Amino acid sequence: MIRSELIQKIADENPHLYQRDVERIVNTIFDEVTSAMSRGDRVELRGFGAFSVKQRDARVGRNPRTGETVKVDEKHVPFFKTGKLLRDRLNGNA
């Protein structure tokens, strides 16, 4: 599902809301999650999962085409851990 499909589905299920308002709500939620993660905060949506940021240390990698070693800088990557309810639904337990 892409963002526009999510917006359309929410708008269809809530006919009392204008589509532009639903779009603003969805964009605000995504912006807040992104802002919190960029500050290094953890975002938890109960029953769904938790978004956090993990730090990957600098290391020496290898270019697979040429075989030469390459220095890879330290970086921060997003990480998602599913919640129990989501895991149970995916595995047919709910």
N, C-alpha and C. Protein backbone atom coordinates (compact mmCIF):
# COMPACT_ATOMS: atom_id res chain seq x y z
N MET A 1 0.85 -1.17 0.00
CA MET A 1 0.00 0.00 0.00
C MET A 1 0.89 1.23 0.00
N ILE A 2 0.57 2.18 -0.84
CA ILE A 2 1.32 3.43 -0.88
C ILE A 2 0.51 4.53 -0.20
N ARG A 3 1.15 5.66 0.04
CA ARG A 3 0.54 6.75 0.80
C ARG A 3 -0.80 7.18 0.22
N SER A 4 -0.87 7.33 -1.10
CA SER A 4 -2.12 7.79 -1.72
C SER A 4 -3.23 6.76 -1.54
N GLU A 5 -2.90 5.46 -1.56
CA GLU A 5 -3.91 4.43 -1.32
C GLU A 5 -4.40 4.47 0.12
N LEU A 6 -3.49 4.71 1.06
CA LEU A 6 -3.87 4.84 2.46
C LEU A 6 -4.82 6.02 2.66
N ILE A 7 -4.48 7.14 2.07
CA ILE A 7 -5.32 8.34 2.17
C ILE A 7 -6.70 8.07 1.59
N GLN A 8 -6.75 7.43 0.43
CA GLN A 8 -8.03 7.13 -0.23
C GLN A 8 -8.86 6.18 0.62
N LYS A 9 -8.25 5.16 1.21
CA LYS A 9 -8.97 4.18 2.03
C LYS A 9 -9.55 4.86 3.27
N ILE A 10 -8.78 5.70 3.92
CA ILE A 10 -9.28 6.40 5.11
C ILE A 10 -10.41 7.34 4.72
N ALA A 11 -10.26 8.05 3.61
CA ALA A 11 -11.30 8.97 3.15
C ALA A 11 -12.58 8.22 2.81
N ASP A 12 -12.45 7.04 2.19
CA ASP A 12 -13.62 6.24 1.84
C ASP A 12 -14.35 5.73 3.08
N GLU A 13 -13.59 5.36 4.11
CA GLU A 13 -14.18 4.84 5.34
C GLU A 13 -14.73 5.93 6.24
N ASN A 14 -14.37 7.19 5.98
CA ASN A 14 -14.83 8.33 6.77
C ASN A 14 -15.39 9.40 5.85
N PRO A 15 -16.61 9.18 5.32
CA PRO A 15 -17.17 10.13 4.35
C PRO A 15 -17.42 11.53 4.91
N HIS A 16 -17.43 11.67 6.24
CA HIS A 16 -17.64 12.98 6.84
C HIS A 16 -16.37 13.85 6.79
N LEU A 17 -15.24 13.26 6.40
CA LEU A 17 -13.98 14.01 6.29
C LEU A 17 -13.66 14.31 4.82
N TYR A 18 -13.16 15.50 4.58
CA TYR A 18 -12.70 15.83 3.23
C TYR A 18 -11.39 15.12 2.96
N GLN A 19 -11.17 14.77 1.70
CA GLN A 19 -9.94 14.05 1.34
C GLN A 19 -8.71 14.91 1.65
N ARG A 20 -8.79 16.22 1.45
CA ARG A 20 -7.62 17.07 1.74
C ARG A 20 -7.29 17.08 3.23
N ASP A 21 -8.33 16.95 4.09
CA ASP A 21 -8.08 16.88 5.53
C ASP A 21 -7.44 15.55 5.91
N VAL A 22 -7.90 14.46 5.30
CA VAL A 22 -7.31 13.15 5.54
C VAL A 22 -5.85 13.16 5.10
N GLU A 23 -5.58 13.76 3.95
CA GLU A 23 -4.20 13.85 3.45
C GLU A 23 -3.33 14.64 4.41
N ARG A 24 -3.85 15.72 4.96
CA ARG A 24 -3.10 16.54 5.92
C ARG A 24 -2.82 15.73 7.19
N ILE A 25 -3.80 14.95 7.65
CA ILE A 25 -3.63 14.14 8.86
C ILE A 25 -2.54 13.09 8.65
N VAL A 26 -2.63 12.35 7.54
CA VAL A 26 -1.65 11.30 7.25
C VAL A 26 -0.25 11.90 7.11
N ASN A 27 -0.14 13.00 6.40
CA ASN A 27 1.18 13.64 6.22
C ASN A 27 1.73 14.13 7.55
N THR A 28 0.87 14.66 8.43
CA THR A 28 1.32 15.12 9.74
C THR A 28 1.84 13.96 10.58
N ILE A 29 1.14 12.83 10.54
CA ILE A 29 1.60 11.66 11.30
C ILE A 29 2.96 11.21 10.81
N PHE A 30 3.12 11.08 9.49
CA PHE A 30 4.42 10.65 8.94
C PHE A 30 5.52 11.67 9.25
N ASP A 31 5.20 12.95 9.18
CA ASP A 31 6.19 13.98 9.48
C ASP A 31 6.63 13.91 10.94
N GLU A 32 5.68 13.67 11.84
CA GLU A 32 6.02 13.59 13.26
C GLU A 32 6.87 12.36 13.56
N VAL A 33 6.55 11.23 12.94
CA VAL A 33 7.36 10.02 13.13
C VAL A 33 8.78 10.27 12.62
N THR A 34 8.88 10.89 11.44
CA THR A 34 10.19 11.19 10.86
C THR A 34 10.98 12.16 11.74
N SER A 35 10.32 13.19 12.24
CA SER A 35 10.99 14.17 13.10
C SER A 35 11.49 13.52 14.38
N ALA A 36 10.66 12.70 14.99
CA ALA A 36 11.06 12.04 16.24
C ALA A 36 12.25 11.12 16.00
N MET A 37 12.23 10.38 14.91
CA MET A 37 13.35 9.48 14.62
C MET A 37 14.62 10.25 14.30
N SER A 38 14.49 11.40 13.64
CA SER A 38 15.69 12.19 13.32
C SER A 38 16.32 12.77 14.59
N ARG A 39 15.51 12.94 15.65
CA ARG A 39 16.04 13.38 16.95
C ARG A 39 16.62 12.21 17.74
N GLY A 40 16.42 10.99 17.25
CA GLY A 40 16.92 9.81 17.93
C GLY A 40 15.90 9.20 18.86
N ASP A 41 14.66 9.70 18.84
CA ASP A 41 13.61 9.17 19.69
C ASP A 41 13.03 7.88 19.12
N ARG A 42 12.38 7.13 19.97
CA ARG A 42 11.70 5.90 19.57
C ARG A 42 10.22 6.21 19.45
N VAL A 43 9.58 5.67 18.40
CA VAL A 43 8.15 5.88 18.19
C VAL A 43 7.45 4.53 18.28
N GLU A 44 6.53 4.42 19.23
CA GLU A 44 5.83 3.15 19.44
C GLU A 44 4.35 3.31 19.13
N LEU A 45 3.83 2.44 18.29
CA LEU A 45 2.41 2.39 17.99
C LEU A 45 1.91 1.06 18.56
N ARG A 46 1.21 1.11 19.68
CA ARG A 46 0.79 -0.10 20.39
C ARG A 46 0.03 -1.05 19.47
N GLY A 47 0.40 -2.30 19.50
CA GLY A 47 -0.24 -3.31 18.68
C GLY A 47 0.33 -3.41 17.28
N PHE A 48 1.03 -2.38 16.83
CA PHE A 48 1.60 -2.37 15.48
C PHE A 48 3.09 -2.62 15.52
N GLY A 49 3.81 -1.76 16.25
CA GLY A 49 5.25 -1.93 16.35
C GLY A 49 5.95 -0.67 16.80
N ALA A 50 7.26 -0.71 16.77
CA ALA A 50 8.07 0.41 17.23
C ALA A 50 9.14 0.75 16.19
N PHE A 51 9.27 2.02 15.94
CA PHE A 51 10.31 2.53 15.05
C PHE A 51 11.42 3.11 15.91
N SER A 52 12.66 2.79 15.58
CA SER A 52 13.79 3.35 16.29
C SER A 52 14.95 3.53 15.32
N VAL A 53 16.02 4.11 15.83
CA VAL A 53 17.20 4.36 15.01
C VAL A 53 18.36 3.57 15.60
N LYS A 54 19.05 2.82 14.76
CA LYS A 54 20.22 2.08 15.20
C LYS A 54 21.47 2.67 14.56
N GLN A 55 22.56 2.62 15.29
CA GLN A 55 23.82 3.15 14.79
C GLN A 55 24.67 2.00 14.27
N ARG A 56 25.16 2.15 13.06
CA ARG A 56 26.09 1.18 12.50
C ARG A 56 27.48 1.81 12.56
N ASP A 57 28.41 1.11 13.14
CA ASP A 57 29.77 1.61 13.29
C ASP A 57 30.49 1.64 11.95
N ALA A 58 31.53 2.46 11.91
CA ALA A 58 32.38 2.50 10.72
C ALA A 58 33.07 1.16 10.57
N ARG A 59 33.31 0.78 9.33
CA ARG A 59 33.94 -0.53 9.08
C ARG A 59 34.68 -0.48 7.75
N VAL A 60 35.38 -1.55 7.48
CA VAL A 60 36.05 -1.69 6.19
C VAL A 60 35.25 -2.69 5.38
N GLY A 61 34.75 -2.24 4.23
CA GLY A 61 33.97 -3.10 3.36
C GLY A 61 34.78 -3.49 2.14
N ARG A 62 34.12 -4.17 1.21
CA ARG A 62 34.80 -4.61 0.01
C ARG A 62 33.91 -4.34 -1.18
N ASN A 63 34.49 -3.77 -2.23
CA ASN A 63 33.77 -3.55 -3.48
C ASN A 63 33.65 -4.91 -4.17
N PRO A 64 32.41 -5.41 -4.37
CA PRO A 64 32.27 -6.76 -4.93
C PRO A 64 32.74 -6.87 -6.37
N ARG A 65 32.73 -5.79 -7.10
CA ARG A 65 33.13 -5.85 -8.50
C ARG A 65 34.65 -5.90 -8.65
N THR A 66 35.35 -5.03 -7.89
CA THR A 66 36.80 -4.95 -8.05
C THR A 66 37.57 -5.71 -6.96
N GLY A 67 36.91 -5.96 -5.82
CA GLY A 67 37.58 -6.66 -4.73
C GLY A 67 38.39 -5.76 -3.84
N GLU A 68 38.50 -4.47 -4.17
CA GLU A 68 39.31 -3.57 -3.33
C GLU A 68 38.55 -3.20 -2.06
N THR A 69 39.31 -2.91 -0.99
CA THR A 69 38.68 -2.55 0.27
C THR A 69 38.22 -1.10 0.21
N VAL A 70 37.12 -0.84 0.89
CA VAL A 70 36.52 0.50 0.90
C VAL A 70 36.17 0.84 2.34
N LYS A 71 36.46 2.06 2.76
CA LYS A 71 36.10 2.51 4.10
C LYS A 71 34.63 2.93 4.08
N VAL A 72 33.84 2.34 4.98
CA VAL A 72 32.42 2.67 5.11
C VAL A 72 32.25 3.46 6.39
N ASP A 73 31.70 4.67 6.28
CA ASP A 73 31.54 5.55 7.43
C ASP A 73 30.44 5.04 8.37
N GLU A 74 30.48 5.56 9.60
CA GLU A 74 29.43 5.30 10.58
C GLU A 74 28.13 5.90 10.05
N LYS A 75 27.00 5.21 10.32
CA LYS A 75 25.73 5.77 9.87
C LYS A 75 24.61 5.30 10.79
N HIS A 76 23.50 6.02 10.70
CA HIS A 76 22.30 5.70 11.46
C HIS A 76 21.26 5.16 10.48
N VAL A 77 20.60 4.06 10.86
CA VAL A 77 19.61 3.43 9.99
C VAL A 77 18.31 3.24 10.75
N PRO A 78 17.18 3.37 10.06
CA PRO A 78 15.90 3.13 10.73
C PRO A 78 15.70 1.64 11.00
N PHE A 79 15.00 1.35 12.08
CA PHE A 79 14.75 -0.04 12.48
C PHE A 79 13.31 -0.15 12.93
N PHE A 80 12.63 -1.22 12.51
CA PHE A 80 11.24 -1.45 12.90
C PHE A 80 11.11 -2.80 13.56
N LYS A 81 10.49 -2.82 14.72
CA LYS A 81 10.23 -4.07 15.43
C LYS A 81 8.72 -4.22 15.55
N THR A 82 8.19 -5.33 15.03
CA THR A 82 6.75 -5.53 15.05
C THR A 82 6.24 -5.74 16.47
N GLY A 83 5.00 -5.32 16.67
CA GLY A 83 4.34 -5.54 17.94
C GLY A 83 3.75 -6.94 18.00
N LYS A 84 3.39 -7.37 19.19
CA LYS A 84 2.87 -8.73 19.37
C LYS A 84 1.57 -8.93 18.59
N LEU A 85 0.67 -7.97 18.60
CA LEU A 85 -0.60 -8.12 17.90
C LEU A 85 -0.39 -8.28 16.40
N LEU A 86 0.50 -7.49 15.82
CA LEU A 86 0.78 -7.60 14.38
C LEU A 86 1.41 -8.95 14.05
N ARG A 87 2.37 -9.38 14.87
CA ARG A 87 3.00 -10.69 14.66
C ARG A 87 1.97 -11.81 14.71
N ASP A 88 1.08 -11.74 15.69
CA ASP A 88 0.05 -12.77 15.85
C ASP A 88 -0.90 -12.79 14.64
N ARG A 89 -1.27 -11.62 14.15
CA ARG A 89 -2.18 -11.56 12.99
C ARG A 89 -1.50 -12.08 11.74
N LEU A 90 -0.22 -11.79 11.58
CA LEU A 90 0.50 -12.28 10.41
C LEU A 90 0.65 -13.80 10.42
N ASN A 91 0.72 -14.36 11.62
CA ASN A 91 0.89 -15.80 11.76
C ASN A 91 -0.43 -16.54 11.95
N GLY A 92 -1.55 -15.84 11.81
CA GLY A 92 -2.86 -16.46 11.87
C GLY A 92 -3.32 -16.85 13.26
N ASN A 93 -2.77 -16.20 14.27
CA ASN A 93 -3.14 -16.53 15.65
C ASN A 93 -4.21 -15.61 16.22
N ALA A 94 -4.64 -14.62 15.45
CA ALA A 94 -5.62 -13.67 15.99
C ALA A 94 -6.92 -13.71 15.22
